[in-house]
């Protein structure tokens, strides 16, 4: 598939109407990006471990722990309107 078809095809998938000038500009940019990727293929990466991040990633969230929570009655105690053990709120979407 040629790069020109790639630009038009991708624009069509994104539902973008490109003018001929825009398609030509994106074509040029895509060619530059693909040229740079070809240059990167020349780099010797022997012994370099593949990574997804530049630094170590670790989970910063606390561990889940069960705890006492509201009972249904406590949760509904301050509700301005309620029905069938549910809080009634104003409709915000038509």
PDB file of N, CA and C in Angstrom:
ATOM      1  N   UNK A   1       0.855  -1.175   0.000  1.00  0.00           N
ATOM      2  CA  UNK A   1       0.000   0.000   0.000  1.00  0.00           C
ATOM      3  C   UNK A   1       0.901   1.237   0.000  1.00  0.00           C
ATOM      4  N   UNK A   2       0.647   2.149  -0.884  1.00  0.00           N
ATOM      5  CA  UNK A   2       1.479   3.351  -0.947  1.00  0.00           C
ATOM      6  C   UNK A   2       1.151   4.286   0.193  1.00  0.00           C
ATOM      7  N   UNK A   3       2.077   5.195   0.465  1.00  0.00           N
ATOM      8  CA  UNK A   3       1.865   6.148   1.556  1.00  0.00           C
ATOM      9  C   UNK A   3       0.697   7.072   1.246  1.00  0.00           C
ATOM     10  N   UNK A   4       0.502   7.411  -0.050  1.00  0.00           N
ATOM     11  CA  UNK A   4      -0.626   8.272  -0.428  1.00  0.00           C
ATOM     12  C   UNK A   4      -1.938   7.584  -0.066  1.00  0.00           C
ATOM     13  N   UNK A   5      -2.025   6.292  -0.343  1.00  0.00           N
ATOM     14  CA  UNK A   5      -3.229   5.554   0.035  1.00  0.00           C
ATOM     15  C   UNK A   5      -3.364   5.487   1.543  1.00  0.00           C
ATOM     16  N   UNK A   6      -2.245   5.356   2.261  1.00  0.00           N
ATOM     17  CA  UNK A   6      -2.289   5.331   3.724  1.00  0.00           C
ATOM     18  C   UNK A   6      -2.886   6.615   4.272  1.00  0.00           C
ATOM     19  N   UNK A   7      -2.479   7.764   3.725  1.00  0.00           N
ATOM     20  CA  UNK A   7      -2.982   9.054   4.192  1.00  0.00           C
ATOM     21  C   UNK A   7      -4.474   9.156   3.919  1.00  0.00           C
ATOM     22  N   UNK A   8      -4.888   8.865   2.721  1.00  0.00           N
ATOM     23  CA  UNK A   8      -6.312   8.954   2.366  1.00  0.00           C
ATOM     24  C   UNK A   8      -7.136   7.931   3.145  1.00  0.00           C
ATOM     25  N   UNK A   9      -6.626   6.716   3.262  1.00  0.00           N
ATOM     26  CA  UNK A   9      -7.347   5.653   3.974  1.00  0.00           C
ATOM     27  C   UNK A   9      -7.519   6.011   5.442  1.00  0.00           C
ATOM     28  N   UNK A  10      -6.446   6.484   6.077  1.00  0.00           N
ATOM     29  CA  UNK A  10      -6.512   6.860   7.485  1.00  0.00           C
ATOM     30  C   UNK A  10      -7.451   8.039   7.686  1.00  0.00           C
ATOM     31  N   UNK A  11      -7.401   9.013   6.794  1.00  0.00           N
ATOM     32  CA  UNK A  11      -8.310  10.161   6.882  1.00  0.00           C
ATOM     33  C   UNK A  11      -9.755   9.697   6.745  1.00  0.00           C
ATOM     34  N   UNK A  12      -9.993   8.758   5.871  1.00  0.00           N
ATOM     35  CA  UNK A  12     -11.349   8.233   5.694  1.00  0.00           C
ATOM     36  C   UNK A  12     -11.825   7.517   6.955  1.00  0.00           C
ATOM     37  N   UNK A  13     -10.946   6.723   7.570  1.00  0.00           N
ATOM     38  CA  UNK A  13     -11.310   6.030   8.808  1.00  0.00           C
ATOM     39  C   UNK A  13     -11.635   7.023   9.923  1.00  0.00           C
ATOM     40  N   UNK A  14     -10.903   8.139   9.957  1.00  0.00           N
ATOM     41  CA  UNK A  14     -11.109   9.157  10.983  1.00  0.00           C
ATOM     42  C   UNK A  14     -12.225  10.125  10.598  1.00  0.00           C
ATOM     43  N   UNK A  15     -12.846   9.864   9.458  1.00  0.00           N
ATOM     44  CA  UNK A  15     -13.911  10.722   8.936  1.00  0.00           C
ATOM     45  C   UNK A  15     -13.447  12.170   8.784  1.00  0.00           C
ATOM     46  N   UNK A  16     -12.241  12.305   8.212  1.00  0.00           N
ATOM     47  CA  UNK A  16     -11.675  13.626   7.944  1.00  0.00           C
ATOM     48  C   UNK A  16     -11.718  13.883   6.448  1.00  0.00           C
ATOM     49  N   UNK A  17     -12.222  15.018   6.081  1.00  0.00           N
ATOM     50  CA  UNK A  17     -12.227  15.416   4.680  1.00  0.00           C
ATOM     51  C   UNK A  17     -10.973  16.249   4.443  1.00  0.00           C
ATOM     52  N   UNK A  18      -9.987  15.674   3.767  1.00  0.00           N
ATOM     53  CA  UNK A  18      -8.738  16.369   3.517  1.00  0.00           C
ATOM     54  C   UNK A  18      -8.750  17.000   2.135  1.00  0.00           C
ATOM     55  N   UNK A  19      -8.265  18.222   2.063  1.00  0.00           N
ATOM     56  CA  UNK A  19      -8.068  18.838   0.753  1.00  0.00           C
ATOM     57  C   UNK A  19      -6.825  18.207   0.140  1.00  0.00           C
ATOM     58  N   UNK A  20      -6.609  18.448  -1.144  1.00  0.00           N
ATOM     59  CA  UNK A  20      -5.419  17.907  -1.801  1.00  0.00           C
ATOM     60  C   UNK A  20      -4.146  18.473  -1.171  1.00  0.00           C
ATOM     61  N   UNK A  21      -4.196  19.751  -0.758  1.00  0.00           N
ATOM     62  CA  UNK A  21      -3.026  20.376  -0.136  1.00  0.00           C
ATOM     63  C   UNK A  21      -2.728  19.725   1.219  1.00  0.00           C
ATOM     64  N   UNK A  22      -3.772  19.467   1.991  1.00  0.00           N
ATOM     65  CA  UNK A  22      -3.577  18.822   3.290  1.00  0.00           C
ATOM     66  C   UNK A  22      -3.045  17.406   3.121  1.00  0.00           C
ATOM     67  N   UNK A  23      -3.600  16.671   2.163  1.00  0.00           N
ATOM     68  CA  UNK A  23      -3.140  15.300   1.917  1.00  0.00           C
ATOM     69  C   UNK A  23      -1.677  15.299   1.502  1.00  0.00           C
ATOM     70  N   UNK A  24      -1.286  16.276   0.680  1.00  0.00           N
ATOM     71  CA  UNK A  24       0.110  16.357   0.245  1.00  0.00           C
ATOM     72  C   UNK A  24       1.024  16.676   1.425  1.00  0.00           C
ATOM     73  N   UNK A  25       0.593  17.592   2.297  1.00  0.00           N
ATOM     74  CA  UNK A  25       1.408  17.943   3.469  1.00  0.00           C
ATOM     75  C   UNK A  25       1.544  16.737   4.401  1.00  0.00           C
ATOM     76  N   UNK A  26       0.433  16.038   4.670  1.00  0.00           N
ATOM     77  CA  UNK A  26       0.489  14.863   5.542  1.00  0.00           C
ATOM     78  C   UNK A  26       1.300  13.749   4.900  1.00  0.00           C
ATOM     79  N   UNK A  27       1.226  13.651   3.559  1.00  0.00           N
ATOM     80  CA  UNK A  27       2.017  12.659   2.838  1.00  0.00           C
ATOM     81  C   UNK A  27       3.503  12.913   3.071  1.00  0.00           C
ATOM     82  N   UNK A  28       3.897  14.173   2.989  1.00  0.00           N
ATOM     83  CA  UNK A  28       5.293  14.543   3.209  1.00  0.00           C
ATOM     84  C   UNK A  28       5.711  14.219   4.634  1.00  0.00           C
ATOM     85  N   UNK A  29       4.854  14.561   5.595  1.00  0.00           N
ATOM     86  CA  UNK A  29       5.167  14.293   6.995  1.00  0.00           C
ATOM     87  C   UNK A  29       5.253  12.795   7.263  1.00  0.00           C
ATOM     88  N   UNK A  30       4.339  12.022   6.678  1.00  0.00           N
ATOM     89  CA  UNK A  30       4.360  10.572   6.861  1.00  0.00           C
ATOM     90  C   UNK A  30       5.635   9.985   6.264  1.00  0.00           C
ATOM     91  N   UNK A  31       6.050  10.476   5.119  1.00  0.00           N
ATOM     92  CA  UNK A  31       7.291   9.992   4.503  1.00  0.00           C
ATOM     93  C   UNK A  31       8.487  10.286   5.395  1.00  0.00           C
ATOM     94  N   UNK A  32       8.510  11.465   6.034  1.00  0.00           N
ATOM     95  CA  UNK A  32       9.602  11.800   6.946  1.00  0.00           C
ATOM     96  C   UNK A  32       9.620  10.874   8.159  1.00  0.00           C
ATOM     97  N   UNK A  33       8.452  10.584   8.704  1.00  0.00           N
ATOM     98  CA  UNK A  33       8.358   9.693   9.865  1.00  0.00           C
ATOM     99  C   UNK A  33       8.837   8.296   9.479  1.00  0.00           C
ATOM    100  N   UNK A  34       8.381   7.802   8.337  1.00  0.00           N
ATOM    101  CA  UNK A  34       8.787   6.462   7.896  1.00  0.00           C
ATOM    102  C   UNK A  34      10.289   6.413   7.611  1.00  0.00           C
ATOM    103  N   UNK A  35      10.843   7.496   7.093  1.00  0.00           N
ATOM    104  CA  UNK A  35      12.288   7.562   6.873  1.00  0.00           C
ATOM    105  C   UNK A  35      13.049   7.498   8.183  1.00  0.00           C
ATOM    106  N   UNK A  36      12.526   8.182   9.201  1.00  0.00           N
ATOM    107  CA  UNK A  36      13.166   8.156  10.522  1.00  0.00           C
ATOM    108  C   UNK A  36      13.098   6.758  11.124  1.00  0.00           C
ATOM    109  N   UNK A  37      11.977   6.068  10.947  1.00  0.00           N
ATOM    110  CA  UNK A  37      11.842   4.696  11.448  1.00  0.00           C
ATOM    111  C   UNK A  37      12.858   3.793  10.769  1.00  0.00           C
ATOM    112  N   UNK A  38      13.055   3.980   9.484  1.00  0.00           N
ATOM    113  CA  UNK A  38      14.063   3.177   8.765  1.00  0.00           C
ATOM    114  C   UNK A  38      15.465   3.444   9.332  1.00  0.00           C
ATOM    115  N   UNK A  39      15.740   4.699   9.690  1.00  0.00           N
ATOM    116  CA  UNK A  39      17.027   5.045  10.292  1.00  0.00           C
ATOM    117  C   UNK A  39      17.197   4.344  11.631  1.00  0.00           C
ATOM    118  N   UNK A  40      16.121   4.281  12.415  1.00  0.00           N
ATOM    119  CA  UNK A  40      16.195   3.631  13.723  1.00  0.00           C
ATOM    120  C   UNK A  40      16.478   2.141  13.604  1.00  0.00           C
ATOM    121  N   UNK A  41      16.058   1.536  12.504  1.00  0.00           N
ATOM    122  CA  UNK A  41      16.311   0.108  12.307  1.00  0.00           C
ATOM    123  C   UNK A  41      17.797  -0.196  12.182  1.00  0.00           C
ATOM    124  N   UNK A  42      18.600   0.816  11.844  1.00  0.00           N
ATOM    125  CA  UNK A  42      20.037   0.626  11.668  1.00  0.00           C
ATOM    126  C   UNK A  42      20.782   0.591  13.006  1.00  0.00           C
ATOM    127  N   UNK A  43      20.163   1.019  14.083  1.00  0.00           N
ATOM    128  CA  UNK A  43      20.818   1.085  15.389  1.00  0.00           C
ATOM    129  C   UNK A  43      20.996  -0.326  15.948  1.00  0.00           C
ATOM    130  N   UNK A  44      22.198  -0.603  16.453  1.00  0.00           N
ATOM    131  CA  UNK A  44      22.479  -1.904  17.061  1.00  0.00           C
ATOM    132  C   UNK A  44      21.938  -1.905  18.493  1.00  0.00           C
ATOM    133  N   UNK A  45      20.934  -2.722  18.736  1.00  0.00           N
ATOM    134  CA  UNK A  45      20.319  -2.800  20.063  1.00  0.00           C
ATOM    135  C   UNK A  45      20.619  -4.140  20.735  1.00  0.00           C
ATOM    136  N   UNK A  46      21.672  -4.776  20.311  1.00  0.00           N
ATOM    137  CA  UNK A  46      22.063  -6.047  20.901  1.00  0.00           C
ATOM    138  C   UNK A  46      22.349  -5.842  22.382  1.00  0.00           C
ATOM    139  N   UNK A  47      21.735  -6.630  23.235  1.00  0.00           N
ATOM    140  CA  UNK A  47      21.951  -6.549  24.670  1.00  0.00           C
ATOM    141  C   UNK A  47      21.096  -5.508  25.373  1.00  0.00           C
ATOM    142  N   UNK A  48      20.263  -4.788  24.628  1.00  0.00           N
ATOM    143  CA  UNK A  48      19.387  -3.790  25.244  1.00  0.00           C
ATOM    144  C   UNK A  48      18.041  -4.446  25.518  1.00  0.00           C
ATOM    145  N   UNK A  49      17.639  -4.409  26.775  1.00  0.00           N
ATOM    146  CA  UNK A  49      16.384  -5.043  27.158  1.00  0.00           C
ATOM    147  C   UNK A  49      15.199  -4.196  26.682  1.00  0.00           C
ATOM    148  N   UNK A  50      14.211  -4.827  26.038  1.00  0.00           N
ATOM    149  CA  UNK A  50      13.036  -4.073  25.591  1.00  0.00           C
ATOM    150  C   UNK A  50      12.289  -3.487  26.789  1.00  0.00           C
ATOM    151  N   UNK A  51      11.818  -2.251  26.645  1.00  0.00           N
ATOM    152  CA  UNK A  51      11.068  -1.596  27.716  1.00  0.00           C
ATOM    153  C   UNK A  51       9.854  -0.886  27.137  1.00  0.00           C
ATOM    154  N   UNK A  52       8.855  -0.722  27.971  1.00  0.00           N
ATOM    155  CA  UNK A  52       7.679   0.038  27.588  1.00  0.00           C
ATOM    156  C   UNK A  52       7.716   1.427  28.203  1.00  0.00           C
ATOM    157  N   UNK A  53       8.538   1.600  29.252  1.00  0.00           N
ATOM    158  CA  UNK A  53       8.646   2.882  29.949  1.00  0.00           C
ATOM    159  C   UNK A  53      10.112   3.220  30.141  1.00  0.00           C
ATOM    160  N   UNK A  54      10.404   4.502  30.237  1.00  0.00           N
ATOM    161  CA  UNK A  54      11.791   4.917  30.415  1.00  0.00           C
ATOM    162  C   UNK A  54      12.275   4.758  31.841  1.00  0.00           C
ATOM    163  N   UNK A  55      11.345   4.658  32.769  1.00  0.00           N
ATOM    164  CA  UNK A  55      11.716   4.469  34.171  1.00  0.00           C
ATOM    165  C   UNK A  55      10.867   3.349  34.760  1.00  0.00           C
ATOM    166  N   UNK A  56      11.292   2.853  35.909  1.00  0.00           N
ATOM    167  CA  UNK A  56      10.544   1.780  36.555  1.00  0.00           C
ATOM    168  C   UNK A  56       9.140   2.243  36.888  1.00  0.00           C
ATOM    169  N   UNK A  57       8.182   1.379  36.666  1.00  0.00           N
ATOM    170  CA  UNK A  57       6.791   1.686  36.963  1.00  0.00           C
ATOM    171  C   UNK A  57       6.341   0.759  38.077  1.00  0.00           C
ATOM    172  N   UNK A  58       5.732   1.334  39.093  1.00  0.00           N
ATOM    173  CA  UNK A  58       5.222   0.511  40.181  1.00  0.00           C
ATOM    174  C   UNK A  58       3.860   1.040  40.596  1.00  0.00           C
ATOM    175  N   UNK A  59       3.100   0.198  41.219  1.00  0.00           N
ATOM    176  CA  UNK A  59       1.749   0.544  41.652  1.00  0.00           C
ATOM    177  C   UNK A  59       1.833   1.447  42.881  1.00  0.00           C
ATOM    178  N   UNK A  60       1.229   2.626  42.785  1.00  0.00           N
ATOM    179  CA  UNK A  60       1.280   3.572  43.893  1.00  0.00           C
ATOM    180  C   UNK A  60      -0.020   3.581  44.701  1.00  0.00           C
ATOM    181  N   UNK A  61      -0.920   2.687  44.367  1.00  0.00           N
ATOM    182  CA  UNK A  61      -2.190   2.630  45.075  1.00  0.00           C
ATOM    183  C   UNK A  61      -2.065   1.759  46.318  1.00  0.00           C
ATOM    184  N   UNK A  62      -2.866   2.057  47.301  1.00  0.00           N
ATOM    185  CA  UNK A  62      -2.862   1.254  48.516  1.00  0.00           C
ATOM    186  C   UNK A  62      -3.542  -0.090  48.240  1.00  0.00           C
ATOM    187  N   UNK A  63      -3.260  -1.039  49.056  1.00  0.00           N
ATOM    188  CA  UNK A  63      -3.913  -2.341  48.928  1.00  0.00           C
ATOM    189  C   UNK A  63      -5.375  -2.215  49.351  1.00  0.00           C
ATOM    190  N   UNK A  64      -6.239  -2.929  48.676  1.00  0.00           N
ATOM    191  CA  UNK A  64      -7.651  -2.913  49.065  1.00  0.00           C
ATOM    192  C   UNK A  64      -7.834  -3.640  50.388  1.00  0.00           C
ATOM    193  N   UNK A  65      -8.617  -3.053  51.252  1.00  0.00           N
ATOM    194  CA  UNK A  65      -8.916  -3.680  52.535  1.00  0.00           C
ATOM    195  C   UNK A  65     -10.376  -3.406  52.850  1.00  0.00           C
ATOM    196  N   UNK A  66     -11.078  -4.442  53.287  1.00  0.00           N
ATOM    197  CA  UNK A  66     -12.488  -4.242  53.622  1.00  0.00           C
ATOM    198  C   UNK A  66     -12.599  -3.463  54.923  1.00  0.00           C
ATOM    199  N   UNK A  67     -13.659  -2.694  55.040  1.00  0.00           N
ATOM    200  CA  UNK A  67     -13.896  -1.910  56.257  1.00  0.00           C
ATOM    201  C   UNK A  67     -15.388  -1.678  56.402  1.00  0.00           C
ATOM    202  N   UNK A  68     -15.771  -1.257  57.568  1.00  0.00           N
ATOM    203  CA  UNK A  68     -17.182  -0.969  57.794  1.00  0.00           C
ATOM    204  C   UNK A  68     -17.600   0.200  56.923  1.00  0.00           C
ATOM    205  N   UNK A  69     -18.821   0.153  56.435  1.00  0.00           N
ATOM    206  CA  UNK A  69     -19.321   1.185  55.559  1.00  0.00           C
ATOM    207  C   UNK A  69     -20.719   1.553  55.996  1.00  0.00           C
ATOM    208  N   UNK A  70     -21.339   2.468  55.292  1.00  0.00           N
ATOM    209  CA  UNK A  70     -22.697   2.871  55.624  1.00  0.00           C
ATOM    210  C   UNK A  70     -23.674   1.717  55.470  1.00  0.00           C
ATOM    211  N   UNK A  71     -24.651   1.692  56.333  1.00  0.00           N
ATOM    212  CA  UNK A  71     -25.785   0.813  56.084  1.00  0.00           C
ATOM    213  C   UNK A  71     -26.706   1.569  55.135  1.00  0.00           C
ATOM    214  N   UNK A  72     -27.648   0.885  54.569  1.00  0.00           N
ATOM    215  CA  UNK A  72     -28.591   1.523  53.652  1.00  0.00           C
ATOM    216  C   UNK A  72     -29.342   2.646  54.351  1.00  0.00           C
ATOM    217  N   UNK A  73     -29.743   2.409  55.571  1.00  0.00           N
ATOM    218  CA  UNK A  73     -30.487   3.427  56.319  1.00  0.00           C
ATOM    219  C   UNK A  73     -29.626   4.660  56.588  1.00  0.00           C
ATOM    220  N   UNK A  74     -28.366   4.455  56.936  1.00  0.00           N
ATOM    221  CA  UNK A  74     -27.467   5.584  57.182  1.00  0.00           C
ATOM    222  C   UNK A  74     -27.227   6.401  55.915  1.00  0.00           C
ATOM    223  N   UNK A  75     -27.082   5.710  54.797  1.00  0.00           N
ATOM    224  CA  UNK A  75     -26.849   6.403  53.533  1.00  0.00           C
ATOM    225  C   UNK A  75     -28.064   7.232  53.130  1.00  0.00           C
ATOM    226  N   UNK A  76     -29.246   6.733  53.420  1.00  0.00           N
ATOM    227  CA  UNK A  76     -30.468   7.439  53.039  1.00  0.00           C
ATOM    228  C   UNK A  76     -30.920   8.470  54.067  1.00  0.00           C
ATOM    229  N   UNK A  77     -30.291   8.508  55.224  1.00  0.00           N
ATOM    230  CA  UNK A  77     -30.742   9.369  56.312  1.00  0.00           C
ATOM    231  C   UNK A  77     -30.803  10.842  55.920  1.00  0.00           C
ATOM    232  N   UNK A  78     -29.858  11.345  55.152  1.00  0.00           N
ATOM    233  CA  UNK A  78     -29.830  12.758  54.782  1.00  0.00           C
ATOM    234  C   UNK A  78     -30.278  13.023  53.344  1.00  0.00           C
ATOM    235  N   UNK A  79     -30.771  12.006  52.681  1.00  0.00           N
ATOM    236  CA  UNK A  79     -31.225  12.188  51.297  1.00  0.00           C
ATOM    237  C   UNK A  79     -32.484  13.039  51.281  1.00  0.00           C
ATOM    238  N   UNK A  80     -32.527  14.097  50.465  1.00  0.00           N
ATOM    239  CA  UNK A  80     -33.718  14.947  50.426  1.00  0.00           C
ATOM    240  C   UNK A  80     -34.936  14.203  49.900  1.00  0.00           C
ATOM    241  N   UNK A  81     -34.716  13.266  48.942  1.00  0.00           N
ATOM    242  CA  UNK A  81     -35.820  12.459  48.426  1.00  0.00           C
ATOM    243  C   UNK A  81     -35.336  11.025  48.284  1.00  0.00           C
ATOM    244  N   UNK A  82     -36.216  10.083  48.604  1.00  0.00           N
ATOM    245  CA  UNK A  82     -35.852   8.673  48.486  1.00  0.00           C
ATOM    246  C   UNK A  82     -37.091   7.844  48.201  1.00  0.00           C
ATOM    247  N   UNK A  83     -36.860   6.690  47.570  1.00  0.00           N
ATOM    248  CA  UNK A  83     -37.939   5.743  47.286  1.00  0.00           C
ATOM    249  C   UNK A  83     -37.315   4.376  47.038  1.00  0.00           C
ATOM    250  N   UNK A  84     -37.940   3.345  47.542  1.00  0.00           N
ATOM    251  CA  UNK A  84     -37.475   1.970  47.347  1.00  0.00           C
ATOM    252  C   UNK A  84     -35.995   1.798  47.716  1.00  0.00           C
ATOM    253  N   UNK A  85     -35.574   2.406  48.805  1.00  0.00           N
ATOM    254  CA  UNK A  85     -34.191   2.345  49.286  1.00  0.00           C
ATOM    255  C   UNK A  85     -33.199   2.943  48.286  1.00  0.00           C
ATOM    256  N   UNK A  86     -33.639   3.936  47.505  1.00  0.00           N
ATOM    257  CA  UNK A  86     -32.786   4.631  46.546  1.00  0.00           C
ATOM    258  C   UNK A  86     -32.893   6.127  46.774  1.00  0.00           C
ATOM    259  N   UNK A  87     -31.804   6.843  46.472  1.00  0.00           N
ATOM    260  CA  UNK A  87     -31.821   8.301  46.543  1.00  0.00           C
ATOM    261  C   UNK A  87     -32.376   8.820  45.225  1.00  0.00           C
ATOM    262  N   UNK A  88     -33.357   9.692  45.274  1.00  0.00           N
ATOM    263  CA  UNK A  88     -33.944  10.266  44.077  1.00  0.00           C
ATOM    264  C   UNK A  88     -33.248  11.588  43.798  1.00  0.00           C
ATOM    265  N   UNK A  89     -32.726  11.729  42.573  1.00  0.00           N
ATOM    266  CA  UNK A  89     -32.024  12.947  42.174  1.00  0.00           C
ATOM    267  C   UNK A  89     -32.710  13.552  40.960  1.00  0.00           C
ATOM    268  N   UNK A  90     -32.532  14.850  40.734  1.00  0.00           N
ATOM    269  CA  UNK A  90     -33.137  15.477  39.563  1.00  0.00           C
ATOM    270  C   UNK A  90     -32.550  14.905  38.264  1.00  0.00           C
ATOM    271  N   UNK A  91     -33.374  14.828  37.235  1.00  0.00           N
ATOM    272  CA  UNK A  91     -32.945  14.361  35.928  1.00  0.00           C
ATOM    273  C   UNK A  91     -32.086  15.455  35.307  1.00  0.00           C
ATOM    274  N   UNK A  92     -30.914  15.093  34.798  1.00  0.00           N
ATOM    275  CA  UNK A  92     -30.012  16.091  34.223  1.00  0.00           C
ATOM    276  C   UNK A  92     -29.816  15.903  32.716  1.00  0.00           C
ATOM    277  N   UNK A  93     -30.264  14.792  32.178  1.00  0.00           N
ATOM    278  CA  UNK A  93     -30.147  14.539  30.749  1.00  0.00           C
ATOM    279  C   UNK A  93     -31.531  14.372  30.162  1.00  0.00           C
ATOM    280  N   UNK A  94     -31.778  15.092  29.097  1.00  0.00           N
ATOM    281  CA  UNK A  94     -33.093  15.008  28.442  1.00  0.00           C
ATOM    282  C   UNK A  94     -33.153  13.801  27.541  1.00  0.00           C
TER     283      UNK A  94
END
